[in-house]
Full PDB file with SEQRES, HELIX, SHEET, SSBOND, CRYST1, ORIGX, SCALE, CONECT and MASTER records, all heavy atoms in Angstrom:
SEQRES   1 A   38  THR THR ALA ARG HIS CYS TRP VAL SER GLY LEU PRO ASP          
SEQRES   2 A   38  HIS PRO GLY ARG TRP PRO GLY LEU LEU LEU GLU TRP ARG          
SEQRES   3 A   38  LYS VAL THR PRO THR LEU TRP GLN GLY ARG VAL VAL              
SHEET    1 AA1 3 ARG A   4  SER A   9  0                                        
SHEET    2 AA1 3 ARG A  17  LYS A  27 -1                                        
SHEET    3 AA1 3 TRP A  33  VAL A  37 -1                                        
CRYST1    1.000    1.000    1.000  90.00  90.00  90.00 P 1           1          
ORIGX1      1.000000  0.000000  0.000000        0.00000                         
ORIGX2      0.000000  1.000000  0.000000        0.00000                         
ORIGX3      0.000000  0.000000  1.000000        0.00000                         
SCALE1      1.000000  0.000000  0.000000        0.00000                         
SCALE2      0.000000  1.000000  0.000000        0.00000                         
SCALE3      0.000000  0.000000  1.000000        0.00000                         
ATOM      1  N   THR A   1      50.130 -75.761 -97.127  1.00  0.00           N  
ATOM      2  CA  THR A   1      50.804 -74.483 -97.286  1.00  0.00           C  
ATOM      3  C   THR A   1      51.445 -74.100 -95.974  1.00  0.00           C  
ATOM      4  O   THR A   1      51.072 -74.584 -94.915  1.00  0.00           O  
ATOM      5  CB  THR A   1      49.818 -73.368 -97.699  1.00  0.00           C  
ATOM      6  OG1 THR A   1      48.853 -73.225 -96.669  1.00  0.00           O  
ATOM      7  CG2 THR A   1      49.140 -73.670 -99.007  1.00  0.00           C  
ATOM      8  N   THR A   2      52.407 -73.230 -96.072  1.00  0.00           N  
ATOM      9  CA  THR A   2      53.027 -72.665 -94.893  1.00  0.00           C  
ATOM     10  C   THR A   2      52.357 -71.327 -94.644  1.00  0.00           C  
ATOM     11  O   THR A   2      52.180 -70.535 -95.571  1.00  0.00           O  
ATOM     12  CB  THR A   2      54.532 -72.456 -95.145  1.00  0.00           C  
ATOM     13  OG1 THR A   2      55.102 -73.712 -95.476  1.00  0.00           O  
ATOM     14  CG2 THR A   2      55.209 -71.877 -93.935  1.00  0.00           C  
ATOM     15  N   ALA A   3      51.966 -71.064 -93.418  1.00  0.00           N  
ATOM     16  CA  ALA A   3      51.342 -69.787 -93.090  1.00  0.00           C  
ATOM     17  C   ALA A   3      52.321 -68.663 -93.412  1.00  0.00           C  
ATOM     18  O   ALA A   3      53.526 -68.803 -93.227  1.00  0.00           O  
ATOM     19  CB  ALA A   3      50.951 -69.760 -91.617  1.00  0.00           C  
ATOM     20  N   ARG A   4      51.784 -67.570 -93.926  1.00  0.00           N  
ATOM     21  CA  ARG A   4      52.602 -66.425 -94.326  1.00  0.00           C  
ATOM     22  C   ARG A   4      52.018 -65.147 -93.764  1.00  0.00           C  
ATOM     23  O   ARG A   4      50.799 -64.978 -93.737  1.00  0.00           O  
ATOM     24  CB  ARG A   4      52.649 -66.308 -95.844  1.00  0.00           C  
ATOM     25  CG  ARG A   4      53.312 -67.480 -96.510  1.00  0.00           C  
ATOM     26  CD  ARG A   4      53.257 -67.288 -98.026  1.00  0.00           C  
ATOM     27  NE  ARG A   4      53.850 -68.430 -98.670  1.00  0.00           N  
ATOM     28  CZ  ARG A   4      55.105 -68.451 -99.115  1.00  0.00           C  
ATOM     29  NH1 ARG A   4      55.863 -67.401 -98.995  1.00  0.00           N  
ATOM     30  NH2 ARG A   4      55.583 -69.528 -99.689  1.00  0.00           N  
ATOM     31  N   HIS A   5      52.904 -64.252 -93.372  1.00  0.00           N  
ATOM     32  CA  HIS A   5      52.455 -62.938 -92.922  1.00  0.00           C  
ATOM     33  C   HIS A   5      51.922 -62.166 -94.120  1.00  0.00           C  
ATOM     34  O   HIS A   5      52.428 -62.293 -95.233  1.00  0.00           O  
ATOM     35  CB  HIS A   5      53.607 -62.176 -92.280  1.00  0.00           C  
ATOM     36  CG  HIS A   5      54.041 -62.765 -90.980  1.00  0.00           C  
ATOM     37  ND1 HIS A   5      53.393 -62.514 -89.795  1.00  0.00           N  
ATOM     38  CD2 HIS A   5      55.049 -63.609 -90.687  1.00  0.00           C  
ATOM     39  CE1 HIS A   5      53.980 -63.180 -88.825  1.00  0.00           C  
ATOM     40  NE2 HIS A   5      54.991 -63.870 -89.344  1.00  0.00           N  
ATOM     41  N   CYS A   6      50.881 -61.365 -93.883  1.00  0.00           N  
ATOM     42  CA  CYS A   6      50.304 -60.566 -94.951  1.00  0.00           C  
ATOM     43  C   CYS A   6      49.682 -59.305 -94.356  1.00  0.00           C  
ATOM     44  O   CYS A   6      49.585 -59.159 -93.133  1.00  0.00           O  
ATOM     45  CB  CYS A   6      49.249 -61.358 -95.720  1.00  0.00           C  
ATOM     46  SG  CYS A   6      47.782 -61.784 -94.757  1.00  0.00           S  
ATOM     47  N   TRP A   7      49.255 -58.415 -95.222  1.00  0.00           N  
ATOM     48  CA  TRP A   7      48.488 -57.237 -94.831  1.00  0.00           C  
ATOM     49  C   TRP A   7      47.071 -57.405 -95.353  1.00  0.00           C  
ATOM     50  O   TRP A   7      46.861 -57.871 -96.470  1.00  0.00           O  
ATOM     51  CB  TRP A   7      49.092 -55.969 -95.424  1.00  0.00           C  
ATOM     52  CG  TRP A   7      50.394 -55.589 -94.812  1.00  0.00           C  
ATOM     53  CD1 TRP A   7      51.637 -55.742 -95.372  1.00  0.00           C  
ATOM     54  CD2 TRP A   7      50.600 -55.019 -93.521  1.00  0.00           C  
ATOM     55  NE1 TRP A   7      52.598 -55.297 -94.501  1.00  0.00           N  
ATOM     56  CE2 TRP A   7      51.994 -54.838 -93.364  1.00  0.00           C  
ATOM     57  CE3 TRP A   7      49.757 -54.636 -92.481  1.00  0.00           C  
ATOM     58  CZ2 TRP A   7      52.543 -54.296 -92.207  1.00  0.00           C  
ATOM     59  CZ3 TRP A   7      50.316 -54.091 -91.346  1.00  0.00           C  
ATOM     60  CH2 TRP A   7      51.689 -53.928 -91.205  1.00  0.00           C  
ATOM     61  N   VAL A   8      46.108 -57.031 -94.535  1.00  0.00           N  
ATOM     62  CA  VAL A   8      44.694 -57.079 -94.895  1.00  0.00           C  
ATOM     63  C   VAL A   8      44.221 -55.633 -95.014  1.00  0.00           C  
ATOM     64  O   VAL A   8      44.423 -54.831 -94.107  1.00  0.00           O  
ATOM     65  CB  VAL A   8      43.871 -57.814 -93.804  1.00  0.00           C  
ATOM     66  CG1 VAL A   8      42.404 -57.793 -94.145  1.00  0.00           C  
ATOM     67  CG2 VAL A   8      44.378 -59.242 -93.621  1.00  0.00           C  
ATOM     68  N   SER A   9      43.598 -55.299 -96.145  1.00  0.00           N  
ATOM     69  CA  SER A   9      43.093 -53.938 -96.336  1.00  0.00           C  
ATOM     70  C   SER A   9      41.901 -53.960 -97.283  1.00  0.00           C  
ATOM     71  O   SER A   9      41.609 -54.973 -97.905  1.00  0.00           O  
ATOM     72  CB  SER A   9      44.195 -53.022 -96.886  1.00  0.00           C  
ATOM     73  OG  SER A   9      44.650 -53.492 -98.133  1.00  0.00           O  
ATOM     74  N   GLY A  10      41.219 -52.816 -97.363  1.00  0.00           N  
ATOM     75  CA  GLY A  10      40.084 -52.710 -98.281  1.00  0.00           C  
ATOM     76  C   GLY A  10      38.802 -53.337 -97.762  1.00  0.00           C  
ATOM     77  O   GLY A  10      37.898 -53.637 -98.538  1.00  0.00           O  
ATOM     78  N   LEU A  11      38.696 -53.528 -96.446  1.00  0.00           N  
ATOM     79  CA  LEU A  11      37.492 -54.133 -95.874  1.00  0.00           C  
ATOM     80  C   LEU A  11      36.532 -53.033 -95.414  1.00  0.00           C  
ATOM     81  O   LEU A  11      36.930 -52.145 -94.662  1.00  0.00           O  
ATOM     82  CB  LEU A  11      37.848 -55.026 -94.684  1.00  0.00           C  
ATOM     83  CG  LEU A  11      38.821 -56.162 -94.969  1.00  0.00           C  
ATOM     84  CD1 LEU A  11      39.172 -56.886 -93.683  1.00  0.00           C  
ATOM     85  CD2 LEU A  11      38.240 -57.113 -95.979  1.00  0.00           C  
ATOM     86  N   PRO A  12      35.272 -53.073 -95.823  1.00  0.00           N  
ATOM     87  CA  PRO A  12      34.330 -52.030 -95.421  1.00  0.00           C  
ATOM     88  C   PRO A  12      34.104 -51.971 -93.905  1.00  0.00           C  
ATOM     89  O   PRO A  12      33.963 -50.888 -93.346  1.00  0.00           O  
ATOM     90  CB  PRO A  12      33.033 -52.374 -96.150  1.00  0.00           C  
ATOM     91  CG  PRO A  12      33.248 -53.673 -96.828  1.00  0.00           C  
ATOM     92  CD  PRO A  12      34.683 -54.059 -96.697  1.00  0.00           C  
ATOM     93  N   ASP A  13      34.092 -53.121 -93.244  1.00  0.00           N  
ATOM     94  CA  ASP A  13      33.851 -53.152 -91.799  1.00  0.00           C  
ATOM     95  C   ASP A  13      35.073 -52.763 -90.979  1.00  0.00           C  
ATOM     96  O   ASP A  13      34.947 -52.405 -89.810  1.00  0.00           O  
ATOM     97  CB  ASP A  13      33.401 -54.546 -91.357  1.00  0.00           C  
ATOM     98  CG  ASP A  13      32.059 -54.933 -91.951  1.00  0.00           C  
ATOM     99  OD1 ASP A  13      31.323 -54.027 -92.387  1.00  0.00           O  
ATOM    100  OD2 ASP A  13      31.762 -56.127 -91.980  1.00  0.00           O  
ATOM    101  N   HIS A  14      36.256 -52.890 -91.567  1.00  0.00           N  
ATOM    102  CA  HIS A  14      37.504 -52.599 -90.861  1.00  0.00           C  
ATOM    103  C   HIS A  14      38.418 -51.783 -91.766  1.00  0.00           C  
ATOM    104  O   HIS A  14      39.392 -52.317 -92.300  1.00  0.00           O  
ATOM    105  CB  HIS A  14      38.209 -53.892 -90.424  1.00  0.00           C  
ATOM    106  CG  HIS A  14      37.370 -54.750 -89.559  1.00  0.00           C  
ATOM    107  ND1 HIS A  14      36.923 -55.986 -89.951  1.00  0.00           N  
ATOM    108  CD2 HIS A  14      36.866 -54.557 -88.320  1.00  0.00           C  
ATOM    109  CE1 HIS A  14      36.189 -56.511 -88.984  1.00  0.00           C  
ATOM    110  NE2 HIS A  14      36.138 -55.663 -87.991  1.00  0.00           N  
ATOM    111  N   PRO A  15      38.121 -50.492 -91.963  1.00  0.00           N  
ATOM    112  CA  PRO A  15      38.979 -49.685 -92.829  1.00  0.00           C  
ATOM    113  C   PRO A  15      40.389 -49.592 -92.253  1.00  0.00           C  
ATOM    114  O   PRO A  15      40.581 -49.657 -91.047  1.00  0.00           O  
ATOM    115  CB  PRO A  15      38.288 -48.322 -92.856  1.00  0.00           C  
ATOM    116  CG  PRO A  15      37.347 -48.313 -91.708  1.00  0.00           C  
ATOM    117  CD  PRO A  15      37.031 -49.736 -91.379  1.00  0.00           C  
ATOM    118  N   GLY A  16      41.351 -49.503 -93.120  1.00  0.00           N  
ATOM    119  CA  GLY A  16      42.742 -49.423 -92.702  1.00  0.00           C  
ATOM    120  C   GLY A  16      43.510 -50.622 -93.205  1.00  0.00           C  
ATOM    121  O   GLY A  16      43.025 -51.410 -94.022  1.00  0.00           O  
ATOM    122  N   ARG A  17      44.712 -50.753 -92.709  1.00  0.00           N  
ATOM    123  CA  ARG A  17      45.608 -51.847 -93.099  1.00  0.00           C  
ATOM    124  C   ARG A  17      45.985 -52.597 -91.837  1.00  0.00           C  
ATOM    125  O   ARG A  17      46.515 -52.005 -90.892  1.00  0.00           O  
ATOM    126  CB  ARG A  17      46.837 -51.244 -93.767  1.00  0.00           C  
ATOM    127  CG  ARG A  17      47.748 -52.231 -94.419  1.00  0.00           C  
ATOM    128  CD  ARG A  17      48.836 -51.471 -95.176  1.00  0.00           C  
ATOM    129  NE  ARG A  17      49.658 -52.355 -95.930  1.00  0.00           N  
ATOM    130  CZ  ARG A  17      50.981 -52.279 -95.989  1.00  0.00           C  
ATOM    131  NH1 ARG A  17      51.618 -51.326 -95.341  1.00  0.00           N  
ATOM    132  NH2 ARG A  17      51.664 -53.129 -96.710  1.00  0.00           N  
ATOM    133  N   TRP A  18      45.720 -53.897 -91.819  1.00  0.00           N  
ATOM    134  CA  TRP A  18      45.872 -54.697 -90.604  1.00  0.00           C  
ATOM    135  C   TRP A  18      46.842 -55.853 -90.834  1.00  0.00           C  
ATOM    136  O   TRP A  18      46.824 -56.487 -91.883  1.00  0.00           O  
ATOM    137  CB  TRP A  18      44.509 -55.244 -90.182  1.00  0.00           C  
ATOM    138  CG  TRP A  18      43.502 -54.172 -90.018  1.00  0.00           C  
ATOM    139  CD1 TRP A  18      42.542 -53.802 -90.924  1.00  0.00           C  
ATOM    140  CD2 TRP A  18      43.362 -53.281 -88.923  1.00  0.00           C  
ATOM    141  NE1 TRP A  18      41.820 -52.748 -90.437  1.00  0.00           N  
ATOM    142  CE2 TRP A  18      42.298 -52.408 -89.203  1.00  0.00           C  
ATOM    143  CE3 TRP A  18      44.034 -53.137 -87.711  1.00  0.00           C  
ATOM    144  CZ2 TRP A  18      41.892 -51.408 -88.341  1.00  0.00           C  
ATOM    145  CZ3 TRP A  18      43.634 -52.141 -86.832  1.00  0.00           C  
ATOM    146  CH2 TRP A  18      42.572 -51.293 -87.150  1.00  0.00           C  
ATOM    147  N   PRO A  19      47.675 -56.174 -89.825  1.00  0.00           N  
ATOM    148  CA  PRO A  19      48.572 -57.323 -89.968  1.00  0.00           C  
ATOM    149  C   PRO A  19      47.789 -58.628 -89.877  1.00  0.00           C  
ATOM    150  O   PRO A  19      46.833 -58.737 -89.106  1.00  0.00           O  
ATOM    151  CB  PRO A  19      49.528 -57.177 -88.774  1.00  0.00           C  
ATOM    152  CG  PRO A  19      48.748 -56.401 -87.763  1.00  0.00           C  
ATOM    153  CD  PRO A  19      47.837 -55.493 -88.544  1.00  0.00           C  
ATOM    154  N   GLY A  20      48.188 -59.597 -90.682  1.00  0.00           N  
ATOM    155  CA  GLY A  20      47.484 -60.877 -90.666  1.00  0.00           C  
ATOM    156  C   GLY A  20      48.409 -62.043 -90.942  1.00  0.00           C  
ATOM    157  O   GLY A  20      49.585 -61.876 -91.252  1.00  0.00           O  
ATOM    158  N   LEU A  21      47.841 -63.225 -90.837  1.00  0.00           N  
ATOM    159  CA  LEU A  21      48.539 -64.462 -91.127  1.00  0.00           C  
ATOM    160  C   LEU A  21      47.669 -65.248 -92.104  1.00  0.00           C  
ATOM    161  O   LEU A  21      46.548 -65.639 -91.779  1.00  0.00           O  
ATOM    162  CB  LEU A  21      48.757 -65.255 -89.836  1.00  0.00           C  
ATOM    163  CG  LEU A  21      49.629 -66.481 -89.925  1.00  0.00           C  
ATOM    164  CD1 LEU A  21      51.043 -66.107 -90.349  1.00  0.00           C  
ATOM    165  CD2 LEU A  21      49.658 -67.192 -88.578  1.00  0.00           C  
ATOM    166  N   LEU A  22      48.185 -65.433 -93.314  1.00  0.00           N  
ATOM    167  CA  LEU A  22      47.475 -66.178 -94.357  1.00  0.00           C  
ATOM    168  C   LEU A  22      47.675 -67.663 -94.109  1.00  0.00           C  
ATOM    169  O   LEU A  22      48.803 -68.156 -94.067  1.00  0.00           O  
ATOM    170  CB  LEU A  22      48.018 -65.789 -95.730  1.00  0.00           C  
ATOM    171  CG  LEU A  22      47.476 -66.543 -96.924  1.00  0.00           C  
ATOM    172  CD1 LEU A  22      45.977 -66.315 -97.083  1.00  0.00           C  
ATOM    173  CD2 LEU A  22      48.219 -66.146 -98.175  1.00  0.00           C  
ATOM    174  N   LEU A  23      46.573 -68.389 -93.920  1.00  0.00           N  
ATOM    175  CA  LEU A  23      46.637 -69.808 -93.569  1.00  0.00           C  
ATOM    176  C   LEU A  23      46.484 -70.734 -94.765  1.00  0.00           C  
ATOM    177  O   LEU A  23      47.135 -71.774 -94.838  1.00  0.00           O  
ATOM    178  CB  LEU A  23      45.563 -70.129 -92.524  1.00  0.00           C  
ATOM    179  CG  LEU A  23      45.625 -69.291 -91.252  1.00  0.00           C  
ATOM    180  CD1 LEU A  23      44.429 -69.586 -90.370  1.00  0.00           C  
ATOM    181  CD2 LEU A  23      46.934 -69.528 -90.521  1.00  0.00           C  
ATOM    182  N   GLU A  24      45.592 -70.380 -95.690  1.00  0.00           N  
ATOM    183  CA  GLU A  24      45.379 -71.223 -96.870  1.00  0.00           C  
ATOM    184  C   GLU A  24      44.610 -70.458 -97.930  1.00  0.00           C  
ATOM    185  O   GLU A  24      44.034 -69.409 -97.661  1.00  0.00           O  
ATOM    186  CB  GLU A  24      44.646 -72.512 -96.505  1.00  0.00           C  
ATOM    187  CG  GLU A  24      43.237 -72.309 -95.988  1.00  0.00           C  
ATOM    188  CD  GLU A  24      42.551 -73.610 -95.630  1.00  0.00           C  
ATOM    189  OE1 GLU A  24      42.407 -74.485 -96.512  1.00  0.00           O  
ATOM    190  OE2 GLU A  24      42.157 -73.759 -94.468  1.00  0.00           O  
ATOM    191  N   TRP A  25      44.599 -71.008 -99.143  1.00  0.00           N  
ATOM    192  CA  TRP A  25      43.882 -70.431-100.276  1.00  0.00           C  
ATOM    193  C   TRP A  25      42.810 -71.394-100.748  1.00  0.00           C  
ATOM    194  O   TRP A  25      42.951 -72.605-100.602  1.00  0.00           O  
ATOM    195  CB  TRP A  25      44.833 -70.198-101.450  1.00  0.00           C  
ATOM    196  CG  TRP A  25      45.758 -69.051-101.302  1.00  0.00           C  
ATOM    197  CD1 TRP A  25      47.096 -69.128-101.034  1.00  0.00           C  
ATOM    198  CD2 TRP A  25      45.456 -67.667-101.424  1.00  0.00           C  
ATOM    199  NE1 TRP A  25      47.628 -67.875-100.979  1.00  0.00           N  
ATOM    200  CE2 TRP A  25      46.641 -66.959-101.212  1.00  0.00           C  
ATOM    201  CE3 TRP A  25      44.290 -66.953-101.681  1.00  0.00           C  
ATOM    202  CZ2 TRP A  25      46.703 -65.572-101.259  1.00  0.00           C  
ATOM    203  CZ3 TRP A  25      44.347 -65.577-101.730  1.00  0.00           C  
ATOM    204  CH2 TRP A  25      45.538 -64.894-101.523  1.00  0.00           C  
ATOM    205  N   ARG A  26      41.779 -70.831-101.362  1.00  0.00           N  
ATOM    206  CA  ARG A  26      40.821 -71.659-102.109  1.00  0.00           C  
ATOM    207  C   ARG A  26      40.423 -70.883-103.358  1.00  0.00           C  
ATOM    208  O   ARG A  26      40.354 -69.654-103.363  1.00  0.00           O  
ATOM    209  CB  ARG A  26      39.600 -72.020-101.270  1.00  0.00           C  
ATOM    210  CG  ARG A  26      38.686 -70.859-100.932  1.00  0.00           C  
ATOM    211  CD  ARG A  26      37.492 -71.345-100.126  1.00  0.00           C  
ATOM    212  NE  ARG A  26      36.686 -70.223 -99.671  1.00  0.00           N  
ATOM    213  CZ  ARG A  26      35.771 -70.296 -98.744  1.00  0.00           C  
ATOM    214  NH1 ARG A  26      35.536 -71.455 -98.136  1.00  0.00           N  
ATOM    215  NH2 ARG A  26      35.063 -69.241 -98.395  1.00  0.00           N  
ATOM    216  N   LYS A  27      40.201 -71.629-104.417  1.00  0.00           N  
ATOM    217  CA  LYS A  27      39.803 -71.031-105.693  1.00  0.00           C  
ATOM    218  C   LYS A  27      38.292 -71.132-105.795  1.00  0.00           C  
ATOM    219  O   LYS A  27      37.735 -72.226-105.833  1.00  0.00           O  
ATOM    220  CB  LYS A  27      40.489 -71.766-106.840  1.00  0.00           C  
ATOM    221  CG  LYS A  27      40.444 -71.039-108.137  1.00  0.00           C  
ATOM    222  CD  LYS A  27      41.355 -71.710-109.152  1.00  0.00           C  
ATOM    223  CE  LYS A  27      41.499 -70.857-110.372  1.00  0.00           C  
ATOM    224  NZ  LYS A  27      42.436 -71.438-111.328  1.00  0.00           N  
ATOM    225  N   VAL A  28      37.625 -69.983-105.824  1.00  0.00           N  
ATOM    226  CA  VAL A  28      36.166 -69.937-105.832  1.00  0.00           C  
ATOM    227  C   VAL A  28      35.626 -70.028-107.255  1.00  0.00           C  
ATOM    228  O   VAL A  28      34.645 -70.722-107.517  1.00  0.00           O  
ATOM    229  CB  VAL A  28      35.668 -68.646-105.138  1.00  0.00           C  
ATOM    230  CG1 VAL A  28      34.161 -68.572-105.121  1.00  0.00           C  
ATOM    231  CG2 VAL A  28      36.224 -68.560-103.733  1.00  0.00           C  
ATOM    232  N   THR A  29      36.238 -69.306-108.169  1.00  0.00           N  
ATOM    233  CA  THR A  29      35.908 -69.348-109.596  1.00  0.00           C  
ATOM    234  C   THR A  29      37.240 -69.379-110.342  1.00  0.00           C  
ATOM    235  O   THR A  29      38.292 -69.241-109.719  1.00  0.00           O  
ATOM    236  CB  THR A  29      35.096 -68.106-110.041  1.00  0.00           C  
ATOM    237  OG1 THR A  29      35.944 -66.957-109.990  1.00  0.00           O  
ATOM    238  CG2 THR A  29      33.861 -67.893-109.168  1.00  0.00           C  
ATOM    239  N   PRO A  30      37.219 -69.528-111.665  1.00  0.00           N  
ATOM    240  CA  PRO A  30      38.498 -69.547-112.387  1.00  0.00           C  
ATOM    241  C   PRO A  30      39.362 -68.296-112.160  1.00  0.00           C  
ATOM    242  O   PRO A  30      40.573 -68.355-112.304  1.00  0.00           O  
ATOM    243  CB  PRO A  30      38.083 -69.666-113.849  1.00  0.00           C  
ATOM    244  CG  PRO A  30      36.778 -70.388-113.798  1.00  0.00           C  
ATOM    245  CD  PRO A  30      36.094 -69.868-112.548  1.00  0.00           C  
ATOM    246  N   THR A  31      38.743 -67.183-111.794  1.00  0.00           N  
ATOM    247  CA  THR A  31      39.523 -65.955-111.604  1.00  0.00           C  
ATOM    248  C   THR A  31      39.477 -65.403-110.183  1.00  0.00           C  
ATOM    249  O   THR A  31      40.134 -64.412-109.896  1.00  0.00           O  
ATOM    250  CB  THR A  31      39.026 -64.854-112.556  1.00  0.00           C  
ATOM    251  OG1 THR A  31      37.643 -64.604-112.301  1.00  0.00           O  
ATOM    252  CG2 THR A  31      39.219 -65.252-114.012  1.00  0.00           C  
ATOM    253  N   LEU A  32      38.726 -66.015-109.274  1.00  0.00           N  
ATOM    254  CA  LEU A  32      38.586 -65.486-107.916  1.00  0.00           C  
ATOM    255  C   LEU A  32      39.188 -66.424-106.886  1.00  0.00           C  
ATOM    256  O   LEU A  32      38.800 -67.581-106.783  1.00  0.00           O  
ATOM    257  CB  LEU A  32      37.109 -65.242-107.577  1.00  0.00           C  
ATOM    258  CG  LEU A  32      36.827 -64.773-106.141  1.00  0.00           C  
ATOM    259  CD1 LEU A  32      37.437 -63.396-105.906  1.00  0.00           C  
ATOM    260  CD2 LEU A  32      35.337 -64.738-105.887  1.00  0.00           C  
ATOM    261  N   TRP A  33      40.148 -65.896-106.128  1.00  0.00           N  
ATOM    262  CA  TRP A  33      40.763 -66.620-105.029  1.00  0.00           C  
ATOM    263  C   TRP A  33      40.350 -65.995-103.723  1.00  0.00           C  
ATOM    264  O   TRP A  33      40.162 -64.783-103.630  1.00  0.00           O  
ATOM    265  CB  TRP A  33      42.284 -66.545-105.132  1.00  0.00           C  
ATOM    266  CG  TRP A  33      42.866 -67.400-106.197  1.00  0.00           C  
ATOM    267  CD1 TRP A  33      43.005 -67.084-107.519  1.00  0.00           C  
ATOM    268  CD2 TRP A  33      43.395 -68.709-106.050  1.00  0.00           C  
ATOM    269  NE1 TRP A  33      43.585 -68.122-108.202  1.00  0.00           N  
ATOM    270  CE2 TRP A  33      43.843 -69.132-107.314  1.00  0.00           C  
ATOM    271  CE3 TRP A  33      43.547 -69.562-104.971  1.00  0.00           C  
ATOM    272  CZ2 TRP A  33      44.425 -70.377-107.529  1.00  0.00           C  
ATOM    273  CZ3 TRP A  33      44.130 -70.797-105.178  1.00  0.00           C  
ATOM    274  CH2 TRP A  33      44.555 -71.196-106.449  1.00  0.00           C  
ATOM    275  N   GLN A  34      40.229 -66.829-102.700  1.00  0.00           N  
ATOM    276  CA  GLN A  34      39.994 -66.345-101.342  1.00  0.00           C  
ATOM    277  C   GLN A  34      41.081 -66.927-100.447  1.00  0.00           C  
ATOM    278  O   GLN A  34      41.510 -68.063-100.637  1.00  0.00           O  
ATOM    279  CB  GLN A  34      38.632 -66.784-100.812  1.00  0.00           C  
ATOM    280  CG  GLN A  34      37.468 -66.102-101.473  1.00  0.00           C  
ATOM    281  CD  GLN A  34      36.146 -66.561-100.883  1.00  0.00           C  
ATOM    282  OE1 GLN A  34      36.010 -67.681-100.400  1.00  0.00           O  
ATOM    283  NE2 GLN A  34      35.163 -65.692-100.934  1.00  0.00           N  
ATOM    284  N   GLY A  35      41.487 -66.136 -99.464  1.00  0.00           N  
ATOM    285  CA  GLY A  35      42.469 -66.596 -98.503  1.00  0.00           C  
ATOM    286  C   GLY A  35      41.845 -66.675 -97.121  1.00  0.00           C  
ATOM    287  O   GLY A  35      41.074 -65.794 -96.740  1.00  0.00           O  
ATOM    288  N   ARG A  36      42.159 -67.732 -96.397  1.00  0.00           N  
ATOM    289  CA  ARG A  36      41.716 -67.834 -95.003  1.00  0.00           C  
ATOM    290  C   ARG A  36      42.792 -67.152 -94.166  1.00  0.00           C  
ATOM    291  O   ARG A  36      43.952 -67.556 -94.163  1.00  0.00           O  
ATOM    292  CB  ARG A  36      41.534 -69.280 -94.568  1.00  0.00           C  
ATOM    293  CG  ARG A  36      40.818 -69.370 -93.210  1.00  0.00           C  
ATOM    294  CD  ARG A  36      40.566 -70.795 -92.839  1.00  0.00           C  
ATOM    295  NE  ARG A  36      41.831 -71.375 -92.439  1.00  0.00           N  
ATOM    296  CZ  ARG A  36      41.996 -72.229 -91.448  1.00  0.00           C  
ATOM    297  NH1 ARG A  36      40.987 -72.682 -90.778  1.00  0.00           N  
ATOM    298  NH2 ARG A  36      43.178 -72.678 -91.146  1.00  0.00           N  
ATOM    299  N   VAL A  37      42.376 -66.108 -93.479  1.00  0.00           N  
ATOM    300  CA  VAL A  37      43.320 -65.233 -92.797  1.00  0.00           C  
ATOM    301  C   VAL A  37      42.908 -65.044 -91.344  1.00  0.00           C  
ATOM    302  O   VAL A  37      41.717 -64.983 -91.027  1.00  0.00           O  
ATOM    303  CB  VAL A  37      43.349 -63.847 -93.488  1.00  0.00           C  
ATOM    304  CG1 VAL A  37      44.359 -62.930 -92.835  1.00  0.00           C  
ATOM    305  CG2 VAL A  37      43.631 -63.990 -94.959  1.00  0.00           C  
ATOM    306  N   VAL A  38      43.905 -64.958 -90.490  1.00  0.00           N  
ATOM    307  CA  VAL A  38      43.705 -64.538 -89.115  1.00  0.00           C  
ATOM    308  C   VAL A  38      44.357 -63.168 -89.023  1.00  0.00           C  
ATOM    309  O   VAL A  38      45.518 -63.009 -89.412  1.00  0.00           O  
ATOM    310  CB  VAL A  38      44.361 -65.515 -88.118  1.00  0.00           C  
ATOM    311  CG1 VAL A  38      44.205 -65.016 -86.695  1.00  0.00           C  
ATOM    312  CG2 VAL A  38      43.759 -66.897 -88.268  1.00  0.00           C  
TER     313      VAL A  38                                                      
MASTER        0    0    0    0    3    0    0    6  312    1    0    3          
END                                                                             
């Protein structure tokens, strides 16, 4: 994948909206995806 800019939000430890870089995806269950983000 090509890294893409994204916004990270909804985190209990870091409330607010933060700039990020999405590095890759993984499918955890048939309906749940996780992204590796910096």
